[in-house]
């Protein structure tokens, strides 16, 4: 999705909006960050710019220290949105030492609609284990 060179840190907010319109709400930015983590390894400066963009999202909460699905300690940041159709909690898990993304999870919080699951229900997660620059 993100072709070519990465932008300067000042351009990260616009960069994250490629294919992820900000008009869809703050959850769209968290989806963009997860998508970006699957495609790119970011320099420390760009990683910091992405985290600053996330920190400015309305409704973002700090959920404290958590253990990710690979057993690593991280800091969780989340927001709740019905942007996908159902009230969903979108969570990023970040390594506090260097700001790398450890994980991303989505969880239904209050209703499952027509889905046959009991809430709260994790409906998706990603664990990022290795990211290296070539």
Foldseek 3Di string as FASTA:
>chain_A
DQDDDDDQLVCLVVSLCVVQPCVLALVSSLVSVVVCLVPADDDLRNLVSSVVVNVPGPQKDWPQWDQDPVRDIWTKIWGWDCSVPATKIWIWTAHPVRNDTAKIWIFGADDDVPDPDDPRGTPDMDGDDDDDDD
